[in-house]
C-alpha atoms as a PDB file:
ATOM      1  CA  MET A   1      44.497 128.137  -3.757  1.00  0.00           C
ATOM      2  CA  ARG A   2      43.080 128.719  -0.303  1.00  0.00           C
ATOM      3  CA  ASN A   3      45.161 128.172   2.871  1.00  0.00           C
ATOM      4  CA  ARG A   4      43.660 125.245   4.848  1.00  0.00           C
ATOM      5  CA  ARG A   5      44.953 125.708   8.393  1.00  0.00           C
ATOM      6  CA  LEU A   6      42.995 124.471  11.375  1.00  0.00           C
ATOM      7  CA  PRO A   7      41.736 127.257  13.621  1.00  0.00           C
ATOM      8  CA  LEU A   8      43.570 127.410  16.965  1.00  0.00           C
ATOM      9  CA  TRP A   9      40.407 126.519  18.893  1.00  0.00           C
ATOM     10  CA  MET A  10      40.309 123.163  17.007  1.00  0.00           C
ATOM     11  CA  LEU A  11      44.040 122.496  17.264  1.00  0.00           C
ATOM     12  CA  VAL A  12      44.293 122.690  21.069  1.00  0.00           C
ATOM     13  CA  PRO A  13      41.764 119.881  21.809  1.00  0.00           C
ATOM     14  CA  LEU A  14      43.342 117.741  19.099  1.00  0.00           C
ATOM     15  CA  LEU A  15      46.834 118.164  20.584  1.00  0.00           C
ATOM     16  CA  LEU A  16      45.475 117.506  24.066  1.00  0.00           C
ATOM     17  CA  ALA A  17      43.817 114.276  22.903  1.00  0.00           C
ATOM     18  CA  VAL A  18      47.053 113.097  21.249  1.00  0.00           C
ATOM     19  CA  ALA A  19      49.045 113.908  24.409  1.00  0.00           C
ATOM     20  CA  ILE A  20      46.610 112.002  26.650  1.00  0.00           C
ATOM     21  CA  ALA A  21      46.568 109.001  24.321  1.00  0.00           C
ATOM     22  CA  SER A  22      50.360 108.841  24.164  1.00  0.00           C
ATOM     23  CA  VAL A  23      50.740 109.112  27.957  1.00  0.00           C
ATOM     24  CA  SER A  24      47.987 106.597  28.634  1.00  0.00           C
ATOM     25  CA  CYS A  25      49.359 103.799  26.509  1.00  0.00           C
ATOM     26  CA  GLY A  26      50.729 101.107  28.773  1.00  0.00           C
ATOM     27  CA  THR A  27      54.257  99.845  28.480  1.00  0.00           C
ATOM     28  CA  THR A  28      54.789  96.505  26.795  1.00  0.00           C
ATOM     29  CA  TYR A  29      56.845  94.055  28.840  1.00  0.00           C
ATOM     30  CA  PRO A  30      58.483  90.914  27.414  1.00  0.00           C
ATOM     31  CA  ARG A  31      56.945  87.593  28.340  1.00  0.00           C
ATOM     32  CA  ARG A  32      58.602  85.903  31.276  1.00  0.00           C
ATOM     33  CA  ASP A  33      58.037  82.880  33.482  1.00  0.00           C
ATOM     34  CA  PRO A  34      57.793  84.003  37.125  1.00  0.00           C
ATOM     35  CA  THR A  35      57.617  80.483  38.590  1.00  0.00           C
ATOM     36  CA  GLY A  36      59.161  80.444  42.067  1.00  0.00           C
ATOM     37  CA  GLU A  37      58.637  84.182  42.615  1.00  0.00           C
ATOM     38  CA  PRO A  38      56.077  85.830  44.913  1.00  0.00           C
ATOM     39  CA  PHE A  39      53.157  87.409  43.083  1.00  0.00           C
ATOM     40  CA  PRO A  40      53.173  91.212  43.504  1.00  0.00           C
ATOM     41  CA  THR A  41      50.707  92.688  45.954  1.00  0.00           C
ATOM     42  CA  VAL A  42      48.040  94.468  43.915  1.00  0.00           C
ATOM     43  CA  THR A  43      44.563  95.833  44.509  1.00  0.00           C
ATOM     44  CA  GLY A  44      41.620  95.296  42.213  1.00  0.00           C
ATOM     45  CA  THR A  45      37.859  95.485  42.347  1.00  0.00           C
ATOM     46  CA  SER A  46      35.498  92.631  41.561  1.00  0.00           C
ATOM     47  CA  LEU A  47      32.660  93.265  39.151  1.00  0.00           C
ATOM     48  CA  ALA A  48      30.442  92.832  42.233  1.00  0.00           C
ATOM     49  CA  GLY A  49      32.085  95.967  43.667  1.00  0.00           C
ATOM     50  CA  THR A  50      34.315  94.410  46.344  1.00  0.00           C
ATOM     51  CA  GLU A  51      37.886  95.674  46.593  1.00  0.00           C
ATOM     52  CA  LEU A  52      40.362  92.789  46.869  1.00  0.00           C
ATOM     53  CA  GLN A  53      44.071  92.569  47.427  1.00  0.00           C
ATOM     54  CA  LEU A  54      45.877  89.833  45.549  1.00  0.00           C
ATOM     55  CA  PRO A  55      47.365  87.439  46.538  1.00  0.00           C
ATOM     56  CA  ALA A  56      46.037  88.031  50.094  1.00  0.00           C
ATOM     57  CA  ALA A  57      42.514  87.119  48.887  1.00  0.00           C
ATOM     58  CA  GLY A  58      43.702  83.509  48.905  1.00  0.00           C
ATOM     59  CA  ASN A  59      43.708  83.605  52.728  1.00  0.00           C
ATOM     60  CA  GLY A  60      46.747  81.311  52.941  1.00  0.00           C
ATOM     61  CA  ALA A  61      45.307  78.709  50.557  1.00  0.00           C
ATOM     62  CA  PRO A  62      46.293  78.051  46.934  1.00  0.00           C
ATOM     63  CA  LEU A  63      44.875  80.583  44.503  1.00  0.00           C
ATOM     64  CA  LEU A  64      44.520  80.422  40.722  1.00  0.00           C
ATOM     65  CA  LEU A  65      44.723  83.644  38.728  1.00  0.00           C
ATOM     66  CA  LEU A  66      43.685  83.821  35.066  1.00  0.00           C
ATOM     67  CA  VAL A  67      45.150  87.102  33.845  1.00  0.00           C
ATOM     68  CA  GLY A  68      44.061  88.734  30.599  1.00  0.00           C
ATOM     69  CA  TYR A  69      45.567  91.859  29.054  1.00  0.00           C
ATOM     70  CA  GLU A  70      43.334  92.130  25.974  1.00  0.00           C
ATOM     71  CA  GLN A  71      39.670  91.373  25.342  1.00  0.00           C
ATOM     72  CA  GLU A  72      40.714  88.736  22.804  1.00  0.00           C
ATOM     73  CA  ALA A  73      42.341  86.725  25.637  1.00  0.00           C
ATOM     74  CA  GLN A  74      38.839  85.905  26.880  1.00  0.00           C
ATOM     75  CA  PHE A  75      38.569  83.033  24.388  1.00  0.00           C
ATOM     76  CA  ASP A  76      41.659  81.392  25.898  1.00  0.00           C
ATOM     77  CA  LEU A  77      40.532  82.036  29.478  1.00  0.00           C
ATOM     78  CA  ASP A  78      37.067  80.617  28.758  1.00  0.00           C
ATOM     79  CA  ARG A  79      38.705  77.398  27.543  1.00  0.00           C
ATOM     80  CA  TRP A  80      40.678  77.244  30.787  1.00  0.00           C
ATOM     81  CA  LEU A  81      37.499  77.759  32.821  1.00  0.00           C
ATOM     82  CA  LEU A  82      35.672  75.016  30.928  1.00  0.00           C
ATOM     83  CA  GLY A  83      38.590  72.636  31.396  1.00  0.00           C
ATOM     84  CA  LEU A  84      38.834  73.445  35.098  1.00  0.00           C
ATOM     85  CA  ASP A  85      35.113  72.893  35.557  1.00  0.00           C
ATOM     86  CA  ALA A  86      35.244  69.574  33.697  1.00  0.00           C
ATOM     87  CA  THR A  87      37.961  68.336  36.064  1.00  0.00           C
ATOM     88  CA  GLY A  88      36.090  69.380  39.225  1.00  0.00           C
ATOM     89  CA  TRP A  89      38.546  72.163  40.121  1.00  0.00           C
ATOM     90  CA  ARG A  90      37.969  73.308  43.727  1.00  0.00           C
ATOM     91  CA  VAL A  91      40.643  75.991  44.232  1.00  0.00           C
ATOM     92  CA  ARG A  92      39.586  79.626  44.560  1.00  0.00           C
ATOM     93  CA  THR A  93      39.982  81.139  41.094  1.00  0.00           C
ATOM     94  CA  PHE A  94      39.864  84.702  39.848  1.00  0.00           C
ATOM     95  CA  GLU A  95      39.768  86.033  36.322  1.00  0.00           C
ATOM     96  CA  VAL A  96      41.948  89.134  36.435  1.00  0.00           C
ATOM     97  CA  PRO A  97      41.463  91.569  33.541  1.00  0.00           C
ATOM     98  CA  THR A  98      44.620  93.665  33.822  1.00  0.00           C
ATOM     99  CA  LEU A  99      44.549  97.018  32.057  1.00  0.00           C
ATOM    100  CA  PRO A 100      47.640  99.191  32.482  1.00  0.00           C
ATOM    101  CA  GLY A 101      47.726 102.831  31.474  1.00  0.00           C
ATOM    102  CA  LEU A 102      45.881 106.041  32.187  1.00  0.00           C
ATOM    103  CA  PHE A 103      43.306 105.662  29.413  1.00  0.00           C
ATOM    104  CA  PRO A 104      41.825 102.375  30.764  1.00  0.00           C
ATOM    105  CA  ARG A 105      41.714 103.889  34.273  1.00  0.00           C
ATOM    106  CA  LEU A 106      39.744 106.830  32.942  1.00  0.00           C
ATOM    107  CA  LEU A 107      37.284 104.434  31.287  1.00  0.00           C
ATOM    108  CA  ALA A 108      37.170 101.882  34.133  1.00  0.00           C
ATOM    109  CA  GLY A 109      33.440 102.322  34.751  1.00  0.00           C
ATOM    110  CA  THR A 110      32.612 101.856  31.086  1.00  0.00           C
ATOM    111  CA  ILE A 111      34.947  98.855  30.715  1.00  0.00           C
ATOM    112  CA  ASP A 112      33.611  97.152  33.857  1.00  0.00           C
ATOM    113  CA  GLY A 113      30.036  97.869  32.758  1.00  0.00           C
ATOM    114  CA  GLY A 114      30.732  96.184  29.428  1.00  0.00           C
ATOM    115  CA  MET A 115      32.114  93.128  31.222  1.00  0.00           C
ATOM    116  CA  ARG A 116      29.074  92.975  33.500  1.00  0.00           C
ATOM    117  CA  ARG A 117      26.798  92.893  30.440  1.00  0.00           C
ATOM    118  CA  GLY A 118      28.648  89.809  29.151  1.00  0.00           C
ATOM    119  CA  ILE A 119      29.127  87.932  32.439  1.00  0.00           C
ATOM    120  CA  PRO A 120      26.298  86.486  34.556  1.00  0.00           C
ATOM    121  CA  ALA A 121      25.850  88.319  37.888  1.00  0.00           C
ATOM    122  CA  GLU A 122      26.610  85.154  39.875  1.00  0.00           C
ATOM    123  CA  ASP A 123      30.166  85.228  38.461  1.00  0.00           C
ATOM    124  CA  TRP A 124      30.910  88.925  39.105  1.00  0.00           C
ATOM    125  CA  ALA A 125      32.676  88.234  42.426  1.00  0.00           C
ATOM    126  CA  SER A 126      35.267  86.049  40.671  1.00  0.00           C
ATOM    127  CA  VAL A 127      36.246  88.696  38.082  1.00  0.00           C
ATOM    128  CA  VAL A 128      38.686  91.205  39.581  1.00  0.00           C
ATOM    129  CA  THR A 129      39.738  94.079  37.343  1.00  0.00           C
ATOM    130  CA  VAL A 130      43.093  95.693  38.030  1.00  0.00           C
ATOM    131  CA  TYR A 131      43.788  99.185  36.729  1.00  0.00           C
ATOM    132  CA  GLY A 132      46.070 101.189  39.055  1.00  0.00           C
ATOM    133  CA  ASP A 133      48.411  98.288  39.889  1.00  0.00           C
ATOM    134  CA  ALA A 134      48.177  96.716  36.429  1.00  0.00           C
ATOM    135  CA  ALA A 135      51.752  97.616  35.445  1.00  0.00           C
ATOM    136  CA  ALA A 136      53.074  95.495  38.324  1.00  0.00           C
ATOM    137  CA  ILE A 137      51.300  92.400  36.961  1.00  0.00           C
ATOM    138  CA  ALA A 138      52.271  93.198  33.361  1.00  0.00           C
ATOM    139  CA  ALA A 139      55.943  93.508  34.327  1.00  0.00           C
ATOM    140  CA  PHE A 140      55.688  90.291  36.372  1.00  0.00           C
ATOM    141  CA  THR A 141      54.353  88.055  33.566  1.00  0.00           C
ATOM    142  CA  GLY A 142      54.988  90.123  30.462  1.00  0.00           C
ATOM    143  CA  ASN A 143      52.112  91.492  28.437  1.00  0.00           C
ATOM    144  CA  ASP A 144      53.368  91.316  24.874  1.00  0.00           C
ATOM    145  CA  ASP A 145      51.192  88.966  22.836  1.00  0.00           C
ATOM    146  CA  GLY A 146      48.179  89.576  25.026  1.00  0.00           C
ATOM    147  CA  LEU A 147      46.017  87.212  22.981  1.00  0.00           C
ATOM    148  CA  THR A 148      46.682  84.368  25.406  1.00  0.00           C
ATOM    149  CA  GLY A 149      45.892  84.467  29.081  1.00  0.00           C
ATOM    150  CA  ARG A 150      48.455  84.078  31.819  1.00  0.00           C
ATOM    151  CA  VAL A 151      47.625  81.229  34.184  1.00  0.00           C
ATOM    152  CA  LEU A 152      49.248  81.404  37.606  1.00  0.00           C
ATOM    153  CA  LEU A 153      48.784  78.969  40.483  1.00  0.00           C
ATOM    154  CA  LEU A 154      49.949  80.491  43.738  1.00  0.00           C
ATOM    155  CA  ASP A 155      50.739  78.531  46.867  1.00  0.00           C
ATOM    156  CA  GLY A 156      49.364  79.643  50.232  1.00  0.00           C
ATOM    157  CA  ALA A 157      52.232  82.133  50.628  1.00  0.00           C
ATOM    158  CA  GLY A 158      51.519  83.773  47.257  1.00  0.00           C
ATOM    159  CA  LYS A 159      54.459  82.232  45.394  1.00  0.00           C
ATOM    160  CA  VAL A 160      53.933  81.117  41.789  1.00  0.00           C
ATOM    161  CA  VAL A 161      54.142  77.313  41.572  1.00  0.00           C
ATOM    162  CA  PHE A 162      52.685  77.010  38.061  1.00  0.00           C
ATOM    163  CA  PHE A 163      52.744  79.425  35.143  1.00  0.00           C
ATOM    164  CA  HIS A 164      51.479  79.047  31.580  1.00  0.00           C
ATOM    165  CA  ASP A 165      51.123  81.653  28.824  1.00  0.00           C
ATOM    166  CA  ARG A 166      50.847  79.732  25.554  1.00  0.00           C
ATOM    167  CA  GLY A 167      47.134  79.044  25.349  1.00  0.00           C
ATOM    168  CA  PHE A 168      44.995  76.267  26.747  1.00  0.00           C
ATOM    169  CA  SER A 169      45.853  72.640  26.149  1.00  0.00           C
ATOM    170  CA  VAL A 170      44.878  69.443  27.929  1.00  0.00           C
ATOM    171  CA  GLY A 171      48.556  68.826  28.708  1.00  0.00           C
ATOM    172  CA  SER A 172      48.914  72.234  30.377  1.00  0.00           C
ATOM    173  CA  LEU A 173      45.764  71.587  32.416  1.00  0.00           C
ATOM    174  CA  GLN A 174      47.235  68.253  33.567  1.00  0.00           C
ATOM    175  CA  ARG A 175      50.502  70.003  34.564  1.00  0.00           C
ATOM    176  CA  LEU A 176      48.445  72.535  36.541  1.00  0.00           C
ATOM    177  CA  GLN A 177      46.693  69.701  38.383  1.00  0.00           C
ATOM    178  CA  GLN A 178      50.063  68.051  39.106  1.00  0.00           C
ATOM    179  CA  ALA A 179      51.430  71.325  40.503  1.00  0.00           C
ATOM    180  CA  LEU A 180      48.393  71.611  42.781  1.00  0.00           C
ATOM    181  CA  ALA A 181      48.755  67.985  43.935  1.00  0.00           C
ATOM    182  CA  ALA A 182      52.413  68.616  44.796  1.00  0.00           C
ATOM    183  CA  LEU A 183      51.517  71.383  47.262  1.00  0.00           C
ATOM    184  CA  PRO A 184      51.514  70.431  50.945  1.00  0.00           C
ATOM    185  CA  ALA A 185      48.080  69.646  52.366  1.00  0.00           C
ATOM    186  CA  ARG A 186      46.585  72.498  54.254  1.00  0.00           C
END
């Protein structure tokens, strides 16, 4: 029987690919409710190409962040957006695809390009992808079970006054509206 070893020139790229993949996998953080805590300062870039710092982009006003860790969370976030639109929501809102790890950072252009193909250009400014600071958000809300979005309403100081991570429901939308109504008038 013939010896079936891989030649060294084939083994090195394979080992390098495995090493990069293992280093680039983001850490999984347990889900947690950060209500009452200040949102971490992070930098992201809108699909329109503008660099934004969150929560400072709220300019002292309430800000709603719809955070997604996996592409499958888009279904949940779309339901939130439809519900918000149906209620006449007027608070600045960002969808925040949050992709921790080296591998997503290396593919940021490809990932953002894919999102642009599926999102109308007029909405690109409200989608802010976070790569480099993504671990800070993941640790803040938890990113295990990334199938549901994380919905965070921040007050004008950047503190979380509403948090939800169990999927859209009419009741959760009503609680979000109540949390907004309870904020002092600006």
